[in-house]
Amino acid sequence: RRWHISLSGWFRDYLYIPLGGNRK
């Protein structure tokens, strides 16, 4: 959450969440 924040946020919003995130 503190390292390369812009890339971590990109993967979270455009890959992790579309894959289902932690909702399933």
mmCIF file of all heavy atoms, coordinates in Angstrom:
data_MODEL
# 
_entry.id   MODEL 
# 
loop_
_atom_site.group_PDB 
_atom_site.id 
_atom_site.type_symbol 
_atom_site.label_atom_id 
_atom_site.label_alt_id 
_atom_site.label_comp_id 
_atom_site.label_asym_id 
_atom_site.label_entity_id 
_atom_site.label_seq_id 
_atom_site.pdbx_PDB_ins_code 
_atom_site.Cartn_x 
_atom_site.Cartn_y 
_atom_site.Cartn_z 
_atom_site.occupancy 
_atom_site.B_iso_or_equiv 
_atom_site.pdbx_formal_charge 
_atom_site.auth_seq_id 
_atom_site.auth_comp_id 
_atom_site.auth_asym_id 
_atom_site.auth_atom_id 
_atom_site.pdbx_PDB_model_num 
ATOM 1   N N   . ARG A 1 1  ? 0.832   -1.206  0.000   1.00 0.00 ? 1  ARG A N   1 
ATOM 2   C CA  . ARG A 1 1  ? 0.000   0.000   0.000   1.00 0.00 ? 1  ARG A CA  1 
ATOM 3   C C   . ARG A 1 1  ? 0.865   1.254   0.000   1.00 0.00 ? 1  ARG A C   1 
ATOM 4   O O   . ARG A 1 1  ? 0.350   2.361   -0.190  1.00 0.00 ? 1  ARG A O   1 
ATOM 5   C CB  . ARG A 1 1  ? -0.925  0.006   1.220   1.00 0.00 ? 1  ARG A CB  1 
ATOM 6   C CG  . ARG A 1 1  ? -2.047  -1.029  1.164   1.00 0.00 ? 1  ARG A CG  1 
ATOM 7   C CD  . ARG A 1 1  ? -3.163  -0.691  2.135   1.00 0.00 ? 1  ARG A CD  1 
ATOM 8   N NE  . ARG A 1 1  ? -2.708  -0.706  3.516   1.00 0.00 ? 1  ARG A NE  1 
ATOM 9   C CZ  . ARG A 1 1  ? -2.838  -1.740  4.343   1.00 0.00 ? 1  ARG A CZ  1 
ATOM 10  N NH1 . ARG A 1 1  ? -3.396  -2.858  3.894   1.00 0.00 ? 1  ARG A NH1 1 
ATOM 11  N NH2 . ARG A 1 1  ? -2.414  -1.673  5.582   1.00 0.00 ? 1  ARG A NH2 1 
ATOM 12  N N   . ARG A 1 2  ? 2.179   1.082   0.208   1.00 0.00 ? 2  ARG A N   1 
ATOM 13  C CA  . ARG A 1 2  ? 3.091   2.208   0.313   1.00 0.00 ? 2  ARG A CA  1 
ATOM 14  C C   . ARG A 1 2  ? 4.163   2.210   -0.777  1.00 0.00 ? 2  ARG A C   1 
ATOM 15  O O   . ARG A 1 2  ? 4.873   3.187   -0.924  1.00 0.00 ? 2  ARG A O   1 
ATOM 16  C CB  . ARG A 1 2  ? 3.784   2.190   1.696   1.00 0.00 ? 2  ARG A CB  1 
ATOM 17  C CG  . ARG A 1 2  ? 2.832   2.387   2.858   1.00 0.00 ? 2  ARG A CG  1 
ATOM 18  C CD  . ARG A 1 2  ? 3.505   2.269   4.206   1.00 0.00 ? 2  ARG A CD  1 
ATOM 19  N NE  . ARG A 1 2  ? 2.595   2.608   5.283   1.00 0.00 ? 2  ARG A NE  1 
ATOM 20  C CZ  . ARG A 1 2  ? 2.355   3.852   5.695   1.00 0.00 ? 2  ARG A CZ  1 
ATOM 21  N NH1 . ARG A 1 2  ? 2.977   4.861   5.136   1.00 0.00 ? 2  ARG A NH1 1 
ATOM 22  N NH2 . ARG A 1 2  ? 1.522   4.078   6.684   1.00 0.00 ? 2  ARG A NH2 1 
ATOM 23  N N   . TRP A 1 3  ? 4.288   1.120   -1.512  1.00 0.00 ? 3  TRP A N   1 
ATOM 24  C CA  . TRP A 1 3  ? 5.323   1.006   -2.545  1.00 0.00 ? 3  TRP A CA  1 
ATOM 25  C C   . TRP A 1 3  ? 4.675   1.074   -3.929  1.00 0.00 ? 3  TRP A C   1 
ATOM 26  O O   . TRP A 1 3  ? 3.727   0.350   -4.216  1.00 0.00 ? 3  TRP A O   1 
ATOM 27  C CB  . TRP A 1 3  ? 6.082   -0.317  -2.377  1.00 0.00 ? 3  TRP A CB  1 
ATOM 28  C CG  . TRP A 1 3  ? 7.122   -0.547  -3.444  1.00 0.00 ? 3  TRP A CG  1 
ATOM 29  C CD1 . TRP A 1 3  ? 6.919   -1.019  -4.706  1.00 0.00 ? 3  TRP A CD1 1 
ATOM 30  C CD2 . TRP A 1 3  ? 8.522   -0.276  -3.350  1.00 0.00 ? 3  TRP A CD2 1 
ATOM 31  N NE1 . TRP A 1 3  ? 8.106   -1.071  -5.400  1.00 0.00 ? 3  TRP A NE1 1 
ATOM 32  C CE2 . TRP A 1 3  ? 9.110   -0.622  -4.588  1.00 0.00 ? 3  TRP A CE2 1 
ATOM 33  C CE3 . TRP A 1 3  ? 9.336   0.209   -2.328  1.00 0.00 ? 3  TRP A CE3 1 
ATOM 34  C CZ2 . TRP A 1 3  ? 10.470  -0.493  -4.841  1.00 0.00 ? 3  TRP A CZ2 1 
ATOM 35  C CZ3 . TRP A 1 3  ? 10.694  0.346   -2.572  1.00 0.00 ? 3  TRP A CZ3 1 
ATOM 36  C CH2 . TRP A 1 3  ? 11.248  0.000   -3.811  1.00 0.00 ? 3  TRP A CH2 1 
ATOM 37  N N   . HIS A 1 4  ? 5.225   1.909   -4.797  1.00 0.00 ? 4  HIS A N   1 
ATOM 38  C CA  . HIS A 1 4  ? 4.716   2.068   -6.165  1.00 0.00 ? 4  HIS A CA  1 
ATOM 39  C C   . HIS A 1 4  ? 3.194   2.123   -6.142  1.00 0.00 ? 4  HIS A C   1 
ATOM 40  O O   . HIS A 1 4  ? 2.498   1.339   -6.797  1.00 0.00 ? 4  HIS A O   1 
ATOM 41  C CB  . HIS A 1 4  ? 5.202   0.920   -7.055  1.00 0.00 ? 4  HIS A CB  1 
ATOM 42  C CG  . HIS A 1 4  ? 5.212   1.284   -8.506  1.00 0.00 ? 4  HIS A CG  1 
ATOM 43  N ND1 . HIS A 1 4  ? 5.728   0.477   -9.486  1.00 0.00 ? 4  HIS A ND1 1 
ATOM 44  C CD2 . HIS A 1 4  ? 4.765   2.385   -9.159  1.00 0.00 ? 4  HIS A CD2 1 
ATOM 45  C CE1 . HIS A 1 4  ? 5.622   1.045   -10.664 1.00 0.00 ? 4  HIS A CE1 1 
ATOM 46  N NE2 . HIS A 1 4  ? 5.033   2.205   -10.488 1.00 0.00 ? 4  HIS A NE2 1 
ATOM 47  N N   . ILE A 1 5  ? 2.693   3.095   -5.409  1.00 0.00 ? 5  ILE A N   1 
ATOM 48  C CA  . ILE A 1 5  ? 1.263   3.194   -5.122  1.00 0.00 ? 5  ILE A CA  1 
ATOM 49  C C   . ILE A 1 5  ? 0.433   3.302   -6.392  1.00 0.00 ? 5  ILE A C   1 
ATOM 50  O O   . ILE A 1 5  ? -0.650  2.715   -6.498  1.00 0.00 ? 5  ILE A O   1 
ATOM 51  C CB  . ILE A 1 5  ? 1.005   4.401   -4.203  1.00 0.00 ? 5  ILE A CB  1 
ATOM 52  C CG1 . ILE A 1 5  ? 1.727   4.190   -2.862  1.00 0.00 ? 5  ILE A CG1 1 
ATOM 53  C CG2 . ILE A 1 5  ? -0.481  4.612   -3.973  1.00 0.00 ? 5  ILE A CG2 1 
ATOM 54  C CD1 . ILE A 1 5  ? 1.752   5.417   -1.976  1.00 0.00 ? 5  ILE A CD1 1 
ATOM 55  N N   . SER A 1 6  ? 0.937   4.029   -7.377  1.00 0.00 ? 6  SER A N   1 
ATOM 56  C CA  . SER A 1 6  ? 0.158   4.223   -8.602  1.00 0.00 ? 6  SER A CA  1 
ATOM 57  C C   . SER A 1 6  ? -0.025  2.921   -9.365  1.00 0.00 ? 6  SER A C   1 
ATOM 58  O O   . SER A 1 6  ? -1.085  2.670   -9.940  1.00 0.00 ? 6  SER A O   1 
ATOM 59  C CB  . SER A 1 6  ? 0.812   5.283   -9.496  1.00 0.00 ? 6  SER A CB  1 
ATOM 60  O OG  . SER A 1 6  ? 2.115   4.884   -9.902  1.00 0.00 ? 6  SER A OG  1 
ATOM 61  N N   . LEU A 1 7  ? 0.999   2.053   -9.395  1.00 0.00 ? 7  LEU A N   1 
ATOM 62  C CA  . LEU A 1 7  ? 0.869   0.764   -10.081 1.00 0.00 ? 7  LEU A CA  1 
ATOM 63  C C   . LEU A 1 7  ? -0.006  -0.185  -9.268  1.00 0.00 ? 7  LEU A C   1 
ATOM 64  O O   . LEU A 1 7  ? -0.864  -0.886  -9.829  1.00 0.00 ? 7  LEU A O   1 
ATOM 65  C CB  . LEU A 1 7  ? 2.244   0.132   -10.314 1.00 0.00 ? 7  LEU A CB  1 
ATOM 66  C CG  . LEU A 1 7  ? 2.215   -1.231  -11.013 1.00 0.00 ? 7  LEU A CG  1 
ATOM 67  C CD1 . LEU A 1 7  ? 1.697   -1.094  -12.440 1.00 0.00 ? 7  LEU A CD1 1 
ATOM 68  C CD2 . LEU A 1 7  ? 3.595   -1.884  -11.015 1.00 0.00 ? 7  LEU A CD2 1 
ATOM 69  N N   . SER A 1 8  ? 0.195   -0.229  -7.948  1.00 0.00 ? 8  SER A N   1 
ATOM 70  C CA  . SER A 1 8  ? -0.631  -1.096  -7.099  1.00 0.00 ? 8  SER A CA  1 
ATOM 71  C C   . SER A 1 8  ? -2.100  -0.719  -7.224  1.00 0.00 ? 8  SER A C   1 
ATOM 72  O O   . SER A 1 8  ? -2.972  -1.588  -7.325  1.00 0.00 ? 8  SER A O   1 
ATOM 73  C CB  . SER A 1 8  ? -0.186  -0.982  -5.642  1.00 0.00 ? 8  SER A CB  1 
ATOM 74  O OG  . SER A 1 8  ? 1.157   -1.392  -5.479  1.00 0.00 ? 8  SER A OG  1 
ATOM 75  N N   . GLY A 1 9  ? -2.371  0.589   -7.244  1.00 0.00 ? 9  GLY A N   1 
ATOM 76  C CA  . GLY A 1 9  ? -3.750  1.049   -7.407  1.00 0.00 ? 9  GLY A CA  1 
ATOM 77  C C   . GLY A 1 9  ? -4.310  0.708   -8.776  1.00 0.00 ? 9  GLY A C   1 
ATOM 78  O O   . GLY A 1 9  ? -5.492  0.379   -8.918  1.00 0.00 ? 9  GLY A O   1 
ATOM 79  N N   . TRP A 1 10 ? -3.452  0.774   -9.803  1.00 0.00 ? 10 TRP A N   1 
ATOM 80  C CA  . TRP A 1 10 ? -3.887  0.430   -11.163 1.00 0.00 ? 10 TRP A CA  1 
ATOM 81  C C   . TRP A 1 10 ? -4.304  -1.028  -11.231 1.00 0.00 ? 10 TRP A C   1 
ATOM 82  O O   . TRP A 1 10 ? -5.379  -1.359  -11.743 1.00 0.00 ? 10 TRP A O   1 
ATOM 83  C CB  . TRP A 1 10 ? -2.756  0.705   -12.152 1.00 0.00 ? 10 TRP A CB  1 
ATOM 84  C CG  . TRP A 1 10 ? -3.177  0.762   -13.586 1.00 0.00 ? 10 TRP A CG  1 
ATOM 85  C CD1 . TRP A 1 10 ? -3.442  1.873   -14.325 1.00 0.00 ? 10 TRP A CD1 1 
ATOM 86  C CD2 . TRP A 1 10 ? -3.409  -0.370  -14.463 1.00 0.00 ? 10 TRP A CD2 1 
ATOM 87  N NE1 . TRP A 1 10 ? -3.818  1.522   -15.605 1.00 0.00 ? 10 TRP A NE1 1 
ATOM 88  C CE2 . TRP A 1 10 ? -3.804  0.152   -15.718 1.00 0.00 ? 10 TRP A CE2 1 
ATOM 89  C CE3 . TRP A 1 10 ? -3.321  -1.742  -14.309 1.00 0.00 ? 10 TRP A CE3 1 
ATOM 90  C CZ2 . TRP A 1 10 ? -4.107  -0.657  -16.808 1.00 0.00 ? 10 TRP A CZ2 1 
ATOM 91  C CZ3 . TRP A 1 10 ? -3.631  -2.564  -15.392 1.00 0.00 ? 10 TRP A CZ3 1 
ATOM 92  C CH2 . TRP A 1 10 ? -4.010  -2.024  -16.624 1.00 0.00 ? 10 TRP A CH2 1 
ATOM 93  N N   . PHE A 1 11 ? -3.460  -1.918  -10.727 1.00 0.00 ? 11 PHE A N   1 
ATOM 94  C CA  . PHE A 1 11 ? -3.794  -3.346  -10.744 1.00 0.00 ? 11 PHE A CA  1 
ATOM 95  C C   . PHE A 1 11 ? -5.027  -3.639  -9.892  1.00 0.00 ? 11 PHE A C   1 
ATOM 96  O O   . PHE A 1 11 ? -5.833  -4.513  -10.238 1.00 0.00 ? 11 PHE A O   1 
ATOM 97  C CB  . PHE A 1 11 ? -2.606  -4.175  -10.253 1.00 0.00 ? 11 PHE A CB  1 
ATOM 98  C CG  . PHE A 1 11 ? -1.624  -4.500  -11.345 1.00 0.00 ? 11 PHE A CG  1 
ATOM 99  C CD1 . PHE A 1 11 ? -0.324  -4.020  -11.295 1.00 0.00 ? 11 PHE A CD1 1 
ATOM 100 C CD2 . PHE A 1 11 ? -1.996  -5.299  -12.411 1.00 0.00 ? 11 PHE A CD2 1 
ATOM 101 C CE1 . PHE A 1 11 ? 0.581   -4.330  -12.303 1.00 0.00 ? 11 PHE A CE1 1 
ATOM 102 C CE2 . PHE A 1 11 ? -1.099  -5.607  -13.423 1.00 0.00 ? 11 PHE A CE2 1 
ATOM 103 C CZ  . PHE A 1 11 ? 0.192   -5.126  -13.372 1.00 0.00 ? 11 PHE A CZ  1 
ATOM 104 N N   . ARG A 1 12 ? -5.174  -2.939  -8.785  1.00 0.00 ? 12 ARG A N   1 
ATOM 105 C CA  . ARG A 1 12 ? -6.355  -3.153  -7.933  1.00 0.00 ? 12 ARG A CA  1 
ATOM 106 C C   . ARG A 1 12 ? -7.633  -2.789  -8.687  1.00 0.00 ? 12 ARG A C   1 
ATOM 107 O O   . ARG A 1 12 ? -8.591  -3.562  -8.713  1.00 0.00 ? 12 ARG A O   1 
ATOM 108 C CB  . ARG A 1 12 ? -6.239  -2.302  -6.670  1.00 0.00 ? 12 ARG A CB  1 
ATOM 109 C CG  . ARG A 1 12 ? -7.426  -2.418  -5.713  1.00 0.00 ? 12 ARG A CG  1 
ATOM 110 C CD  . ARG A 1 12 ? -7.415  -1.281  -4.710  1.00 0.00 ? 12 ARG A CD  1 
ATOM 111 N NE  . ARG A 1 12 ? -7.584  0.008   -5.373  1.00 0.00 ? 12 ARG A NE  1 
ATOM 112 C CZ  . ARG A 1 12 ? -6.872  1.099   -5.078  1.00 0.00 ? 12 ARG A CZ  1 
ATOM 113 N NH1 . ARG A 1 12 ? -5.943  1.081   -4.151  1.00 0.00 ? 12 ARG A NH1 1 
ATOM 114 N NH2 . ARG A 1 12 ? -7.097  2.237   -5.739  1.00 0.00 ? 12 ARG A NH2 1 
ATOM 115 N N   . ASP A 1 13 ? -7.654  -1.616  -9.312  1.00 0.00 ? 13 ASP A N   1 
ATOM 116 C CA  . ASP A 1 13 ? -8.880  -1.102  -9.919  1.00 0.00 ? 13 ASP A CA  1 
ATOM 117 C C   . ASP A 1 13 ? -9.186  -1.728  -11.276 1.00 0.00 ? 13 ASP A C   1 
ATOM 118 O O   . ASP A 1 13 ? -10.358 -1.860  -11.653 1.00 0.00 ? 13 ASP A O   1 
ATOM 119 C CB  . ASP A 1 13 ? -8.787  0.417   -10.082 1.00 0.00 ? 13 ASP A CB  1 
ATOM 120 C CG  . ASP A 1 13 ? -8.744  1.131   -8.740  1.00 0.00 ? 13 ASP A CG  1 
ATOM 121 O OD1 . ASP A 1 13 ? -9.106  0.507   -7.727  1.00 0.00 ? 13 ASP A OD1 1 
ATOM 122 O OD2 . ASP A 1 13 ? -8.329  2.305   -8.698  1.00 0.00 ? 13 ASP A OD2 1 
ATOM 123 N N   . TYR A 1 14 ? -8.150  -2.098  -12.028 1.00 0.00 ? 14 TYR A N   1 
ATOM 124 C CA  . TYR A 1 14 ? -8.375  -2.559  -13.394 1.00 0.00 ? 14 TYR A CA  1 
ATOM 125 C C   . TYR A 1 14 ? -8.138  -4.049  -13.604 1.00 0.00 ? 14 TYR A C   1 
ATOM 126 O O   . TYR A 1 14 ? -8.365  -4.558  -14.705 1.00 0.00 ? 14 TYR A O   1 
ATOM 127 C CB  . TYR A 1 14 ? -7.505  -1.755  -14.366 1.00 0.00 ? 14 TYR A CB  1 
ATOM 128 C CG  . TYR A 1 14 ? -7.754  -0.270  -14.290 1.00 0.00 ? 14 TYR A CG  1 
ATOM 129 C CD1 . TYR A 1 14 ? -6.737  0.626   -13.980 1.00 0.00 ? 14 TYR A CD1 1 
ATOM 130 C CD2 . TYR A 1 14 ? -9.030  0.252   -14.509 1.00 0.00 ? 14 TYR A CD2 1 
ATOM 131 C CE1 . TYR A 1 14 ? -6.964  1.989   -13.906 1.00 0.00 ? 14 TYR A CE1 1 
ATOM 132 C CE2 . TYR A 1 14 ? -9.276  1.609   -14.429 1.00 0.00 ? 14 TYR A CE2 1 
ATOM 133 C CZ  . TYR A 1 14 ? -8.237  2.473   -14.122 1.00 0.00 ? 14 TYR A CZ  1 
ATOM 134 O OH  . TYR A 1 14 ? -8.473  3.818   -14.045 1.00 0.00 ? 14 TYR A OH  1 
ATOM 135 N N   . LEU A 1 15 ? -7.684  -4.769  -12.569 1.00 0.00 ? 15 LEU A N   1 
ATOM 136 C CA  . LEU A 1 15 ? -7.494  -6.213  -12.703 1.00 0.00 ? 15 LEU A CA  1 
ATOM 137 C C   . LEU A 1 15 ? -8.087  -6.964  -11.504 1.00 0.00 ? 15 LEU A C   1 
ATOM 138 O O   . LEU A 1 15 ? -8.930  -7.850  -11.685 1.00 0.00 ? 15 LEU A O   1 
ATOM 139 C CB  . LEU A 1 15 ? -6.008  -6.552  -12.856 1.00 0.00 ? 15 LEU A CB  1 
ATOM 140 C CG  . LEU A 1 15 ? -5.683  -8.037  -13.089 1.00 0.00 ? 15 LEU A CG  1 
ATOM 141 C CD1 . LEU A 1 15 ? -6.399  -8.558  -14.331 1.00 0.00 ? 15 LEU A CD1 1 
ATOM 142 C CD2 . LEU A 1 15 ? -4.173  -8.239  -13.202 1.00 0.00 ? 15 LEU A CD2 1 
ATOM 143 N N   . TYR A 1 16 ? -7.672  -6.608  -10.294 1.00 0.00 ? 16 TYR A N   1 
ATOM 144 C CA  . TYR A 1 16 ? -8.107  -7.336  -9.102  1.00 0.00 ? 16 TYR A CA  1 
ATOM 145 C C   . TYR A 1 16 ? -9.623  -7.259  -8.908  1.00 0.00 ? 16 TYR A C   1 
ATOM 146 O O   . TYR A 1 16 ? -10.300 -8.288  -8.756  1.00 0.00 ? 16 TYR A O   1 
ATOM 147 C CB  . TYR A 1 16 ? -7.384  -6.782  -7.874  1.00 0.00 ? 16 TYR A CB  1 
ATOM 148 C CG  . TYR A 1 16 ? -7.775  -7.423  -6.562  1.00 0.00 ? 16 TYR A CG  1 
ATOM 149 C CD1 . TYR A 1 16 ? -7.355  -8.709  -6.244  1.00 0.00 ? 16 TYR A CD1 1 
ATOM 150 C CD2 . TYR A 1 16 ? -8.565  -6.739  -5.640  1.00 0.00 ? 16 TYR A CD2 1 
ATOM 151 C CE1 . TYR A 1 16 ? -7.712  -9.305  -5.037  1.00 0.00 ? 16 TYR A CE1 1 
ATOM 152 C CE2 . TYR A 1 16 ? -8.926  -7.314  -4.435  1.00 0.00 ? 16 TYR A CE2 1 
ATOM 153 C CZ  . TYR A 1 16 ? -8.499  -8.596  -4.138  1.00 0.00 ? 16 TYR A CZ  1 
ATOM 154 O OH  . TYR A 1 16 ? -8.860  -9.177  -2.952  1.00 0.00 ? 16 TYR A OH  1 
ATOM 155 N N   . ILE A 1 17 ? -10.176 -6.063  -8.939  1.00 0.00 ? 17 ILE A N   1 
ATOM 156 C CA  . ILE A 1 17 ? -11.623 -5.895  -8.735  1.00 0.00 ? 17 ILE A CA  1 
ATOM 157 C C   . ILE A 1 17 ? -12.429 -6.517  -9.877  1.00 0.00 ? 17 ILE A C   1 
ATOM 158 O O   . ILE A 1 17 ? -13.417 -7.225  -9.629  1.00 0.00 ? 17 ILE A O   1 
ATOM 159 C CB  . ILE A 1 17 ? -11.974 -4.406  -8.521  1.00 0.00 ? 17 ILE A CB  1 
ATOM 160 C CG1 . ILE A 1 17 ? -11.394 -3.926  -7.182  1.00 0.00 ? 17 ILE A CG1 1 
ATOM 161 C CG2 . ILE A 1 17 ? -13.488 -4.187  -8.550  1.00 0.00 ? 17 ILE A CG2 1 
ATOM 162 C CD1 . ILE A 1 17 ? -11.592 -2.458  -6.897  1.00 0.00 ? 17 ILE A CD1 1 
ATOM 163 N N   . PRO A 1 18 ? -12.054 -6.301  -11.156 1.00 0.00 ? 18 PRO A N   1 
ATOM 164 C CA  . PRO A 1 18 ? -12.791 -6.985  -12.233 1.00 0.00 ? 18 PRO A CA  1 
ATOM 165 C C   . PRO A 1 18 ? -12.745 -8.511  -12.137 1.00 0.00 ? 18 PRO A C   1 
ATOM 166 O O   . PRO A 1 18 ? -13.687 -9.194  -12.568 1.00 0.00 ? 18 PRO A O   1 
ATOM 167 C CB  . PRO A 1 18 ? -12.088 -6.496  -13.505 1.00 0.00 ? 18 PRO A CB  1 
ATOM 168 C CG  . PRO A 1 18 ? -11.555 -5.159  -13.143 1.00 0.00 ? 18 PRO A CG  1 
ATOM 169 C CD  . PRO A 1 18 ? -11.128 -5.293  -11.709 1.00 0.00 ? 18 PRO A CD  1 
ATOM 170 N N   . LEU A 1 19 ? -11.683 -9.069  -11.568 1.00 0.00 ? 19 LEU A N   1 
ATOM 171 C CA  . LEU A 1 19 ? -11.604 -10.517 -11.386 1.00 0.00 ? 19 LEU A CA  1 
ATOM 172 C C   . LEU A 1 19 ? -12.516 -11.020 -10.272 1.00 0.00 ? 19 LEU A C   1 
ATOM 173 O O   . LEU A 1 19 ? -12.733 -12.211 -10.123 1.00 0.00 ? 19 LEU A O   1 
ATOM 174 C CB  . LEU A 1 19 ? -10.157 -10.935 -11.067 1.00 0.00 ? 19 LEU A CB  1 
ATOM 175 C CG  . LEU A 1 19 ? -9.172  -10.948 -12.233 1.00 0.00 ? 19 LEU A CG  1 
ATOM 176 C CD1 . LEU A 1 19 ? -7.762  -11.211 -11.729 1.00 0.00 ? 19 LEU A CD1 1 
ATOM 177 C CD2 . LEU A 1 19 ? -9.566  -11.989 -13.282 1.00 0.00 ? 19 LEU A CD2 1 
ATOM 178 N N   . GLY A 1 20 ? -13.058 -10.100 -9.510  1.00 0.00 ? 20 GLY A N   1 
ATOM 179 C CA  . GLY A 1 20 ? -13.943 -10.477 -8.401  1.00 0.00 ? 20 GLY A CA  1 
ATOM 180 C C   . GLY A 1 20 ? -13.492 -9.942  -7.065  1.00 0.00 ? 20 GLY A C   1 
ATOM 181 O O   . GLY A 1 20 ? -14.235 -9.979  -6.091  1.00 0.00 ? 20 GLY A O   1 
ATOM 182 N N   . GLY A 1 21 ? -12.242 -9.454  -7.009  1.00 0.00 ? 21 GLY A N   1 
ATOM 183 C CA  . GLY A 1 21 ? -11.747 -8.877  -5.766  1.00 0.00 ? 21 GLY A CA  1 
ATOM 184 C C   . GLY A 1 21 ? -11.864 -9.837  -4.600  1.00 0.00 ? 21 GLY A C   1 
ATOM 185 O O   . GLY A 1 21 ? -11.502 -11.007 -4.699  1.00 0.00 ? 21 GLY A O   1 
ATOM 186 N N   . ASN A 1 22 ? -12.388 -9.340  -3.503  1.00 0.00 ? 22 ASN A N   1 
ATOM 187 C CA  . ASN A 1 22 ? -12.571 -10.185 -2.301  1.00 0.00 ? 22 ASN A CA  1 
ATOM 188 C C   . ASN A 1 22 ? -14.046 -10.441 -2.021  1.00 0.00 ? 22 ASN A C   1 
ATOM 189 O O   . ASN A 1 22 ? -14.436 -10.722 -0.893  1.00 0.00 ? 22 ASN A O   1 
ATOM 190 C CB  . ASN A 1 22 ? -11.913 -9.516  -1.097  1.00 0.00 ? 22 ASN A CB  1 
ATOM 191 C CG  . ASN A 1 22 ? -12.463 -8.116  -0.843  1.00 0.00 ? 22 ASN A CG  1 
ATOM 192 O OD1 . ASN A 1 22 ? -13.376 -7.654  -1.533  1.00 0.00 ? 22 ASN A OD1 1 
ATOM 193 N ND2 . ASN A 1 22 ? -11.912 -7.436  0.141   1.00 0.00 ? 22 ASN A ND2 1 
ATOM 194 N N   . ARG A 1 23 ? -14.866 -10.378 -3.089  1.00 0.00 ? 23 ARG A N   1 
ATOM 195 C CA  . ARG A 1 23 ? -16.321 -10.472 -2.890  1.00 0.00 ? 23 ARG A CA  1 
ATOM 196 C C   . ARG A 1 23 ? -16.852 -11.909 -2.979  1.00 0.00 ? 23 ARG A C   1 
ATOM 197 O O   . ARG A 1 23 ? -18.019 -12.137 -2.706  1.00 0.00 ? 23 ARG A O   1 
ATOM 198 C CB  . ARG A 1 23 ? -17.048 -9.614  -3.943  1.00 0.00 ? 23 ARG A CB  1 
ATOM 199 C CG  . ARG A 1 23 ? -16.660 -8.147  -3.942  1.00 0.00 ? 23 ARG A CG  1 
ATOM 200 C CD  . ARG A 1 23 ? -17.535 -7.340  -4.891  1.00 0.00 ? 23 ARG A CD  1 
ATOM 201 N NE  . ARG A 1 23 ? -17.476 -7.828  -6.259  1.00 0.00 ? 23 ARG A NE  1 
ATOM 202 C CZ  . ARG A 1 23 ? -16.574 -7.456  -7.147  1.00 0.00 ? 23 ARG A CZ  1 
ATOM 203 N NH1 . ARG A 1 23 ? -15.629 -6.583  -6.800  1.00 0.00 ? 23 ARG A NH1 1 
ATOM 204 N NH2 . ARG A 1 23 ? -16.597 -7.924  -8.385  1.00 0.00 ? 23 ARG A NH2 1 
ATOM 205 N N   . LYS A 1 24 ? -15.999 -12.861 -3.366  1.00 0.00 ? 24 LYS A N   1 
ATOM 206 C CA  . LYS A 1 24 ? -16.494 -14.207 -3.634  1.00 0.00 ? 24 LYS A CA  1 
ATOM 207 C C   . LYS A 1 24 ? -15.820 -15.276 -2.778  1.00 0.00 ? 24 LYS A C   1 
ATOM 208 O O   . LYS A 1 24 ? -15.585 -16.390 -3.217  1.00 0.00 ? 24 LYS A O   1 
ATOM 209 C CB  . LYS A 1 24 ? -16.323 -14.534 -5.115  1.00 0.00 ? 24 LYS A CB  1 
ATOM 210 C CG  . LYS A 1 24 ? -17.083 -13.582 -6.042  1.00 0.00 ? 24 LYS A CG  1 
ATOM 211 C CD  . LYS A 1 24 ? -16.886 -13.943 -7.507  1.00 0.00 ? 24 LYS A CD  1 
ATOM 212 C CE  . LYS A 1 24 ? -17.651 -12.990 -8.410  1.00 0.00 ? 24 LYS A CE  1 
ATOM 213 N NZ  . LYS A 1 24 ? -17.465 -13.340 -9.850  1.00 0.00 ? 24 LYS A NZ  1 
# 
